[in-house]
PDB file of N, CA and C in Angstrom:
ATOM      1  N   MET A   1      -5.597  17.071  38.845  1.00  0.00           N
ATOM      2  CA  MET A   1      -5.262  18.178  37.575  1.00  0.00           C
ATOM      3  C   MET A   1      -6.030  17.261  36.898  1.00  0.00           C
ATOM      4  N   THR A   2      -6.520  17.342  36.012  1.00  0.00           N
ATOM      5  CA  THR A   2      -7.999  16.100  34.897  1.00  0.00           C
ATOM      6  C   THR A   2      -5.860  16.517  33.451  1.00  0.00           C
ATOM      7  N   LYS A   3      -6.980  15.467  32.992  1.00  0.00           N
ATOM      8  CA  LYS A   3      -6.129  15.051  31.777  1.00  0.00           C
ATOM      9  C   LYS A   3      -6.284  15.422  30.726  1.00  0.00           C
ATOM     10  N   MET A   4      -6.331  15.313  29.751  1.00  0.00           N
ATOM     11  CA  MET A   4      -6.196  16.112  28.553  1.00  0.00           C
ATOM     12  C   MET A   4      -6.373  14.808  27.437  1.00  0.00           C
ATOM     13  N   VAL A   5      -8.231  14.420  26.672  1.00  0.00           N
ATOM     14  CA  VAL A   5      -8.292  13.688  25.865  1.00  0.00           C
ATOM     15  C   VAL A   5      -7.776  13.361  24.755  1.00  0.00           C
ATOM     16  N   GLU A   6      -6.863  13.503  24.518  1.00  0.00           N
ATOM     17  CA  GLU A   6      -6.677  13.823  23.035  1.00  0.00           C
ATOM     18  C   GLU A   6      -7.849  12.626  21.923  1.00  0.00           C
ATOM     19  N   LYS A   7      -8.879  13.398  20.637  1.00  0.00           N
ATOM     20  CA  LYS A   7      -9.507  12.295  20.381  1.00  0.00           C
ATOM     21  C   LYS A   7      -8.761  12.128  18.422  1.00  0.00           C
ATOM     22  N   VAL A   8      -8.437  10.958  18.256  1.00  0.00           N
ATOM     23  CA  VAL A   8      -7.696  10.544  17.186  1.00  0.00           C
ATOM     24  C   VAL A   8      -8.067  10.242  15.505  1.00  0.00           C
ATOM     25  N   ALA A   9      -8.331  11.046  14.892  1.00  0.00           N
ATOM     26  CA  ALA A   9      -9.082  10.485  13.731  1.00  0.00           C
ATOM     27  C   ALA A   9      -8.676   9.250  13.218  1.00  0.00           C
ATOM     28  N   THR A  10      -9.573   8.237  13.431  1.00  0.00           N
ATOM     29  CA  THR A  10      -9.242   6.595  12.772  1.00  0.00           C
ATOM     30  C   THR A  10      -9.771   6.891  11.200  1.00  0.00           C
ATOM     31  N   ARG A  11      -9.633   6.569  10.836  1.00  0.00           N
ATOM     32  CA  ARG A  11     -10.389   6.192   9.382  1.00  0.00           C
ATOM     33  C   ARG A  11     -11.306   5.168   8.617  1.00  0.00           C
ATOM     34  N   ARG A  12     -11.767   4.260   9.247  1.00  0.00           N
ATOM     35  CA  ARG A  12     -12.808   2.809   9.816  1.00  0.00           C
ATOM     36  C   ARG A  12     -12.475   2.741   7.815  1.00  0.00           C
ATOM     37  N   PRO A  13     -12.698   1.040   7.866  1.00  0.00           N
ATOM     38  CA  PRO A  13     -12.568   1.451   6.269  1.00  0.00           C
ATOM     39  C   PRO A  13     -13.812   0.805   5.817  1.00  0.00           C
ATOM     40  N   LYS A  14     -14.140   0.829   5.376  1.00  0.00           N
ATOM     41  CA  LYS A  14     -15.725   1.288   3.904  1.00  0.00           C
ATOM     42  C   LYS A  14     -15.350  -0.382   3.109  1.00  0.00           C
ATOM     43  N   PRO A  15     -16.414  -1.617   3.105  1.00  0.00           N
ATOM     44  CA  PRO A  15     -16.587  -2.447   2.212  1.00  0.00           C
ATOM     45  C   PRO A  15     -16.770  -1.590   0.743  1.00  0.00           C
ATOM     46  N   VAL A  16     -16.269  -2.419  -0.002  1.00  0.00           N
ATOM     47  CA  VAL A  16     -16.162  -2.204  -1.401  1.00  0.00           C
ATOM     48  C   VAL A  16     -16.567  -3.644  -1.956  1.00  0.00           C
ATOM     49  N   HIS A  17     -17.523  -3.258  -3.074  1.00  0.00           N
ATOM     50  CA  HIS A  17     -17.939  -4.206  -3.780  1.00  0.00           C
ATOM     51  C   HIS A  17     -17.268  -4.257  -5.218  1.00  0.00           C
ATOM     52  N   ILE A  18     -16.963  -5.390  -4.886  1.00  0.00           N
ATOM     53  CA  ILE A  18     -16.901  -5.510  -7.238  1.00  0.00           C
ATOM     54  C   ILE A  18     -16.541  -6.848  -7.447  1.00  0.00           C
ATOM     55  N   LYS A  19     -16.695  -6.704  -8.290  1.00  0.00           N
ATOM     56  CA  LYS A  19     -17.056  -8.279  -9.255  1.00  0.00           C
ATOM     57  C   LYS A  19     -15.850  -8.911  -9.499  1.00  0.00           C
ATOM     58  N   VAL A  20     -15.835 -10.321  -9.337  1.00  0.00           N
ATOM     59  CA  VAL A  20     -13.848 -11.427  -9.878  1.00  0.00           C
ATOM     60  C   VAL A  20     -15.249 -12.807 -10.237  1.00  0.00           C
ATOM     61  N   ASN A  21     -14.735 -12.735 -11.615  1.00  0.00           N
ATOM     62  CA  ASN A  21     -15.473 -12.997 -12.909  1.00  0.00           C
ATOM     63  C   ASN A  21     -16.916 -13.009 -12.640  1.00  0.00           C
ATOM     64  N   LYS A  22     -17.518 -11.453 -13.295  1.00  0.00           N
ATOM     65  CA  LYS A  22     -19.217 -11.754 -12.976  1.00  0.00           C
ATOM     66  C   LYS A  22     -19.616 -12.312 -11.478  1.00  0.00           C
ATOM     67  N   GLN A  23     -18.771 -12.384 -10.093  1.00  0.00           N
ATOM     68  CA  GLN A  23     -19.728 -12.633  -8.951  1.00  0.00           C
ATOM     69  C   GLN A  23     -19.406 -11.467  -8.039  1.00  0.00           C
ATOM     70  N   VAL A  24     -20.742 -10.555  -7.596  1.00  0.00           N
ATOM     71  CA  VAL A  24     -19.976  -9.618  -6.517  1.00  0.00           C
ATOM     72  C   VAL A  24     -19.211 -10.303  -4.940  1.00  0.00           C
ATOM     73  N   VAL A  25     -18.309  -9.852  -5.412  1.00  0.00           N
ATOM     74  CA  VAL A  25     -17.453 -10.040  -3.674  1.00  0.00           C
ATOM     75  C   VAL A  25     -17.378  -8.506  -2.902  1.00  0.00           C
ATOM     76  N   VAL A  26     -17.088  -8.990  -2.117  1.00  0.00           N
ATOM     77  CA  VAL A  26     -17.721  -7.675  -1.632  1.00  0.00           C
ATOM     78  C   VAL A  26     -16.261  -7.528   0.010  1.00  0.00           C
ATOM     79  N   LEU A  27     -15.185  -7.084  -0.511  1.00  0.00           N
ATOM     80  CA  LEU A  27     -13.728  -6.537   0.261  1.00  0.00           C
ATOM     81  C   LEU A  27     -14.183  -5.251   1.324  1.00  0.00           C
ATOM     82  N   PRO A  28     -12.871  -5.731   2.498  1.00  0.00           N
ATOM     83  CA  PRO A  28     -13.582  -4.729   3.794  1.00  0.00           C
ATOM     84  C   PRO A  28     -12.968  -3.018   3.760  1.00  0.00           C
ATOM     85  N   ASP A  29     -12.221  -3.580   2.890  1.00  0.00           N
ATOM     86  CA  ASP A  29     -11.450  -1.845   2.907  1.00  0.00           C
ATOM     87  C   ASP A  29     -11.451  -1.760   1.031  1.00  0.00           C
ATOM     88  N   ARG A  30     -10.727  -0.258   0.285  1.00  0.00           N
ATOM     89  CA  ARG A  30     -10.216  -0.395  -0.977  1.00  0.00           C
ATOM     90  C   ARG A  30      -8.489  -0.787  -0.972  1.00  0.00           C
ATOM     91  N   ALA A  31      -7.986  -0.098   0.344  1.00  0.00           N
ATOM     92  CA  ALA A  31      -7.018  -1.419   0.003  1.00  0.00           C
ATOM     93  C   ALA A  31      -6.663  -2.397   0.642  1.00  0.00           C
ATOM     94  N   THR A  32      -5.822  -2.897  -0.915  1.00  0.00           N
ATOM     95  CA  THR A  32      -5.792  -4.462  -0.651  1.00  0.00           C
ATOM     96  C   THR A  32      -4.638  -5.611  -1.448  1.00  0.00           C
ATOM     97  N   THR A  33      -4.309  -6.429  -1.912  1.00  0.00           N
ATOM     98  CA  THR A  33      -3.316  -6.544  -2.916  1.00  0.00           C
ATOM     99  C   THR A  33      -4.201  -7.406  -3.408  1.00  0.00           C
ATOM    100  N   GLY A  34      -3.157  -8.387  -4.793  1.00  0.00           N
ATOM    101  CA  GLY A  34      -4.012  -9.531  -5.805  1.00  0.00           C
ATOM    102  C   GLY A  34      -3.979 -10.072  -5.162  1.00  0.00           C
ATOM    103  N   VAL A  35      -3.477 -10.278  -4.003  1.00  0.00           N
ATOM    104  CA  VAL A  35      -3.891 -12.727  -3.403  1.00  0.00           C
ATOM    105  C   VAL A  35      -4.892 -11.910  -3.048  1.00  0.00           C
ATOM    106  N   GLY A  36      -5.438  -9.792  -2.322  1.00  0.00           N
ATOM    107  CA  GLY A  36      -6.465 -10.116  -1.041  1.00  0.00           C
ATOM    108  C   GLY A  36      -6.934  -9.863  -1.650  1.00  0.00           C
ATOM    109  N   ILE A  37      -7.034 -10.049  -2.898  1.00  0.00           N
ATOM    110  CA  ILE A  37      -8.869  -9.344  -3.577  1.00  0.00           C
ATOM    111  C   ILE A  37      -9.066 -11.305  -3.980  1.00  0.00           C
ATOM    112  N   LYS A  38      -8.252 -12.279  -4.731  1.00  0.00           N
ATOM    113  CA  LYS A  38      -8.647 -13.595  -5.183  1.00  0.00           C
ATOM    114  C   LYS A  38      -8.372 -14.156  -3.238  1.00  0.00           C
ATOM    115  N   LEU A  39      -8.494 -14.265  -3.092  1.00  0.00           N
ATOM    116  CA  LEU A  39      -8.775 -15.044  -1.380  1.00  0.00           C
ATOM    117  C   LEU A  39      -9.633 -14.511  -0.472  1.00  0.00           C
ATOM    118  N   GLU A  40     -10.620 -13.244  -0.661  1.00  0.00           N
ATOM    119  CA  GLU A  40     -11.211 -13.122  -0.796  1.00  0.00           C
ATOM    120  C   GLU A  40     -13.270 -13.325  -1.145  1.00  0.00           C
ATOM    121  N   ALA A  41     -12.413 -13.970  -2.529  1.00  0.00           N
ATOM    122  CA  ALA A  41     -13.094 -13.807  -4.133  1.00  0.00           C
ATOM    123  C   ALA A  41     -13.041 -15.694  -3.532  1.00  0.00           C
ATOM    124  N   ILE A  42     -12.240 -16.407  -2.979  1.00  0.00           N
ATOM    125  CA  ILE A  42     -12.578 -17.450  -2.513  1.00  0.00           C
ATOM    126  C   ILE A  42     -13.319 -17.883  -1.682  1.00  0.00           C
ATOM    127  N   GLY A  43     -13.110 -16.723  -0.263  1.00  0.00           N
ATOM    128  CA  GLY A  43     -13.869 -16.738   0.786  1.00  0.00           C
ATOM    129  C   GLY A  43     -15.646 -17.066   0.674  1.00  0.00           C
ATOM    130  N   GLN A  44     -16.177 -15.864  -0.313  1.00  0.00           N
ATOM    131  CA  GLN A  44     -16.936 -15.818  -0.982  1.00  0.00           C
ATOM    132  C   GLN A  44     -18.128 -16.698  -2.205  1.00  0.00           C
ATOM    133  N   GLY A  45     -17.237 -17.632  -2.204  1.00  0.00           N
ATOM    134  CA  GLY A  45     -17.423 -18.843  -3.276  1.00  0.00           C
ATOM    135  C   GLY A  45     -17.385 -19.025  -4.342  1.00  0.00           C
ATOM    136  N   ALA A  46     -15.548 -18.181  -4.686  1.00  0.00           N
ATOM    137  CA  ALA A  46     -15.652 -18.001  -6.149  1.00  0.00           C
ATOM    138  C   ALA A  46     -15.024 -19.299  -6.132  1.00  0.00           C
ATOM    139  N   LEU A  47     -14.926 -20.077  -6.847  1.00  0.00           N
ATOM    140  CA  LEU A  47     -13.809 -21.217  -8.041  1.00  0.00           C
ATOM    141  C   LEU A  47     -13.094 -20.950  -8.558  1.00  0.00           C
ATOM    142  N   ILE A  48     -12.105 -20.248  -8.427  1.00  0.00           N
ATOM    143  CA  ILE A  48     -10.694 -19.659  -8.048  1.00  0.00           C
ATOM    144  C   ILE A  48     -10.050 -20.447  -7.176  1.00  0.00           C
ATOM    145  N   GLN A  49      -8.835 -20.363  -7.723  1.00  0.00           N
ATOM    146  CA  GLN A  49      -7.331 -21.251  -6.356  1.00  0.00           C
ATOM    147  C   GLN A  49      -5.957 -19.359  -6.146  1.00  0.00           C
ATOM    148  N   PRO A  50      -5.725 -19.921  -5.674  1.00  0.00           N
ATOM    149  CA  PRO A  50      -4.860 -19.050  -5.194  1.00  0.00           C
ATOM    150  C   PRO A  50      -3.672 -18.595  -6.084  1.00  0.00           C
ATOM    151  N   ASN A  51      -3.176 -19.940  -6.856  1.00  0.00           N
ATOM    152  CA  ASN A  51      -2.713 -19.799  -7.840  1.00  0.00           C
ATOM    153  C   ASN A  51      -2.524 -18.959  -9.263  1.00  0.00           C
ATOM    154  N   PHE A  52      -4.122 -18.306  -9.156  1.00  0.00           N
ATOM    155  CA  PHE A  52      -4.829 -18.088 -10.948  1.00  0.00           C
ATOM    156  C   PHE A  52      -4.161 -16.689 -11.165  1.00  0.00           C
ATOM    157  N   VAL A  53      -4.524 -16.365 -11.944  1.00  0.00           N
ATOM    158  CA  VAL A  53      -3.712 -14.912 -12.444  1.00  0.00           C
ATOM    159  C   VAL A  53      -5.210 -13.922 -12.971  1.00  0.00           C
ATOM    160  N   LEU A  54      -4.723 -13.188 -11.631  1.00  0.00           N
ATOM    161  CA  LEU A  54      -5.457 -11.479 -11.597  1.00  0.00           C
ATOM    162  C   LEU A  54      -5.405 -10.779 -12.505  1.00  0.00           C
ATOM    163  N   SER A  55      -6.495 -10.243 -13.185  1.00  0.00           N
ATOM    164  CA  SER A  55      -6.851  -9.027 -13.958  1.00  0.00           C
ATOM    165  C   SER A  55      -7.419  -8.321 -14.157  1.00  0.00           C
ATOM    166  N   ILE A  56      -6.725  -6.438 -14.113  1.00  0.00           N
ATOM    167  CA  ILE A  56      -8.407  -5.897 -13.624  1.00  0.00           C
ATOM    168  C   ILE A  56      -8.485  -5.307 -15.478  1.00  0.00           C
ATOM    169  N   ARG A  57     -10.137  -5.204 -15.385  1.00  0.00           N
ATOM    170  CA  ARG A  57     -10.629  -3.699 -16.652  1.00  0.00           C
ATOM    171  C   ARG A  57     -10.047  -2.785 -16.237  1.00  0.00           C
ATOM    172  N   GLN A  58      -9.830  -2.842 -17.901  1.00  0.00           N
ATOM    173  CA  GLN A  58      -9.352  -1.046 -17.860  1.00  0.00           C
ATOM    174  C   GLN A  58      -9.380  -0.651 -19.060  1.00  0.00           C
ATOM    175  N   GLY A  59     -10.728  -0.247 -19.871  1.00  0.00           N
ATOM    176  CA  GLY A  59     -11.326  -0.005 -20.448  1.00  0.00           C
ATOM    177  C   GLY A  59     -11.549  -1.269 -20.828  1.00  0.00           C
ATOM    178  N   ASP A  60     -11.172  -1.660 -22.884  1.00  0.00           N
ATOM    179  CA  ASP A  60     -11.910  -2.914 -23.397  1.00  0.00           C
ATOM    180  C   ASP A  60     -11.121  -4.185 -23.817  1.00  0.00           C
ATOM    181  N   ARG A  61      -9.593  -3.874 -21.934  1.00  0.00           N
ATOM    182  CA  ARG A  61      -8.377  -4.822 -22.376  1.00  0.00           C
ATOM    183  C   ARG A  61      -8.942  -5.285 -20.453  1.00  0.00           C
ATOM    184  N   PHE A  62      -8.202  -6.299 -19.989  1.00  0.00           N
ATOM    185  CA  PHE A  62      -7.677  -6.539 -18.557  1.00  0.00           C
ATOM    186  C   PHE A  62      -6.484  -6.357 -18.874  1.00  0.00           C
ATOM    187  N   VAL A  63      -5.577  -6.060 -17.411  1.00  0.00           N
ATOM    188  CA  VAL A  63      -3.725  -5.943 -16.864  1.00  0.00           C
ATOM    189  C   VAL A  63      -4.613  -6.554 -16.014  1.00  0.00           C
ATOM    190  N   LEU A  64      -3.020  -6.767 -16.243  1.00  0.00           N
ATOM    191  CA  LEU A  64      -2.429  -8.169 -15.596  1.00  0.00           C
ATOM    192  C   LEU A  64      -2.752  -7.671 -13.410  1.00  0.00           C
ATOM    193  N   VAL A  65      -2.870  -7.721 -12.762  1.00  0.00           N
ATOM    194  CA  VAL A  65      -1.895  -7.760 -10.851  1.00  0.00           C
ATOM    195  C   VAL A  65      -1.953  -8.618 -10.323  1.00  0.00           C
ATOM    196  N   GLY A  66      -0.104  -8.243 -10.122  1.00  0.00           N
ATOM    197  CA  GLY A  66       0.328  -9.541  -9.410  1.00  0.00           C
ATOM    198  C   GLY A  66      -0.025 -10.185  -7.751  1.00  0.00           C
ATOM    199  N   ASP A  67       0.337 -10.953  -7.488  1.00  0.00           N
ATOM    200  CA  ASP A  67       0.299 -10.736  -6.300  1.00  0.00           C
ATOM    201  C   ASP A  67      -0.047  -9.954  -5.751  1.00  0.00           C
ATOM    202  N   ASN A  68       0.811  -9.947  -4.726  1.00  0.00           N
ATOM    203  CA  ASN A  68       1.518  -8.796  -3.919  1.00  0.00           C
ATOM    204  C   ASN A  68       1.795  -6.713  -4.583  1.00  0.00           C
ATOM    205  N   GLU A  69       0.725  -6.894  -5.624  1.00  0.00           N
ATOM    206  CA  GLU A  69       1.087  -5.515  -5.858  1.00  0.00           C
ATOM    207  C   GLU A  69       0.133  -4.975  -4.997  1.00  0.00           C
ATOM    208  N   ALA A  70      -0.399  -4.054  -4.227  1.00  0.00           N
ATOM    209  CA  ALA A  70      -0.740  -2.902  -3.643  1.00  0.00           C
ATOM    210  C   ALA A  70      -1.644  -2.228  -5.270  1.00  0.00           C
ATOM    211  N   ILE A  71      -3.268  -2.515  -4.822  1.00  0.00           N
ATOM    212  CA  ILE A  71      -4.029  -1.988  -5.538  1.00  0.00           C
ATOM    213  C   ILE A  71      -5.295  -0.592  -4.442  1.00  0.00           C
ATOM    214  N   ASN A  72      -5.515   0.012  -4.834  1.00  0.00           N
ATOM    215  CA  ASN A  72      -6.762   1.112  -4.218  1.00  0.00           C
ATOM    216  C   ASN A  72      -7.885  -0.074  -4.799  1.00  0.00           C
ATOM    217  N   VAL A  73      -9.420  -0.512  -4.915  1.00  0.00           N
ATOM    218  CA  VAL A  73     -10.337  -0.816  -4.781  1.00  0.00           C
ATOM    219  C   VAL A  73     -11.095   0.096  -5.340  1.00  0.00           C
ATOM    220  N   HIS A  74     -12.256   0.914  -5.999  1.00  0.00           N
ATOM    221  CA  HIS A  74     -13.305   0.732  -6.789  1.00  0.00           C
ATOM    222  C   HIS A  74     -14.837   0.308  -6.435  1.00  0.00           C
ATOM    223  N   ARG A  75     -15.446   0.615  -6.065  1.00  0.00           N
ATOM    224  CA  ARG A  75     -17.033  -0.154  -6.564  1.00  0.00           C
ATOM    225  C   ARG A  75     -17.211  -0.518  -7.823  1.00  0.00           C
ATOM    226  N   SER A  76     -17.405  -1.254  -7.841  1.00  0.00           N
ATOM    227  CA  SER A  76     -17.710  -2.464  -9.565  1.00  0.00           C
ATOM    228  C   SER A  76     -16.662  -2.338 -10.049  1.00  0.00           C
ATOM    229  N   GLU A  77     -15.539  -2.385  -9.773  1.00  0.00           N
ATOM    230  CA  GLU A  77     -14.511  -1.840 -10.936  1.00  0.00           C
ATOM    231  C   GLU A  77     -14.654  -4.109 -10.952  1.00  0.00           C
ATOM    232  N   ASP A  78     -14.540  -4.413 -12.260  1.00  0.00           N
ATOM    233  CA  ASP A  78     -14.398  -5.577 -12.721  1.00  0.00           C
ATOM    234  C   ASP A  78     -12.910  -6.349 -12.867  1.00  0.00           C
ATOM    235  N   PHE A  79     -12.978  -8.099 -12.218  1.00  0.00           N
ATOM    236  CA  PHE A  79     -11.598  -8.021 -12.541  1.00  0.00           C
ATOM    237  C   PHE A  79     -12.096  -9.486 -13.029  1.00  0.00           C
ATOM    238  N   LEU A  80     -10.636  -9.845 -13.422  1.00  0.00           N
ATOM    239  CA  LEU A  80     -10.947 -11.456 -14.238  1.00  0.00           C
ATOM    240  C   LEU A  80      -9.978 -12.270 -13.523  1.00  0.00           C
ATOM    241  N   VAL A  81     -10.239 -13.883 -13.504  1.00  0.00           N
ATOM    242  CA  VAL A  81      -9.339 -14.447 -12.373  1.00  0.00           C
ATOM    243  C   VAL A  81      -8.980 -15.918 -13.234  1.00  0.00           C
ATOM    244  N   VAL A  82      -7.826 -16.042 -13.922  1.00  0.00           N
ATOM    245  CA  VAL A  82      -7.586 -17.573 -15.264  1.00  0.00           C
ATOM    246  C   VAL A  82      -6.822 -18.160 -14.969  1.00  0.00           C
ATOM    247  N   ALA A  83      -7.255 -19.558 -14.845  1.00  0.00           N
ATOM    248  CA  ALA A  83      -6.344 -20.197 -14.186  1.00  0.00           C
ATOM    249  C   ALA A  83      -5.062 -20.412 -14.723  1.00  0.00           C
ATOM    250  N   PRO A  84      -3.800 -20.451 -14.331  1.00  0.00           N
ATOM    251  CA  PRO A  84      -2.146 -19.636 -14.974  1.00  0.00           C
ATOM    252  C   PRO A  84      -1.688 -20.170 -15.741  1.00  0.00           C
ATOM    253  N   ASP A  85      -2.946 -21.894 -16.940  1.00  0.00           N
ATOM    254  CA  ASP A  85      -1.914 -22.433 -17.941  1.00  0.00           C
ATOM    255  C   ASP A  85      -3.566 -22.107 -19.147  1.00  0.00           C
ATOM    256  N   ASP A  86      -4.852 -21.523 -18.201  1.00  0.00           N
ATOM    257  CA  ASP A  86      -5.920 -21.061 -18.937  1.00  0.00           C
ATOM    258  C   ASP A  86      -5.123 -20.205 -20.371  1.00  0.00           C
ATOM    259  N   ASN A  87      -5.401 -21.146 -21.506  1.00  0.00           N
ATOM    260  CA  ASN A  87      -4.521 -19.840 -22.983  1.00  0.00           C
ATOM    261  C   ASN A  87      -5.705 -18.752 -23.125  1.00  0.00           C
ATOM    262  N   SER A  88      -7.003 -18.577 -22.931  1.00  0.00           N
ATOM    263  CA  SER A  88      -8.487 -17.782 -23.351  1.00  0.00           C
ATOM    264  C   SER A  88      -7.651 -16.394 -23.265  1.00  0.00           C
TER     265      SER A  88
END
């Protein structure tokens, strides 16, 4: 008796290039969190800390992204990370 092997389609994550404080950061996949973006940026040399505040550019303004907030990033999206006491 021959066993049928079922092929299961698996989605391979594709790297996504974004900008964090004008520095290119490569994420392993589109699906991430606010803290995931910061940790990847730190691992790739960004001079930020995990407790810094993350925001994403939407038009001509930046909108906060929470650490545990799920987000699907897109190529070339622009993020800003500042110290929590920065009043800029």
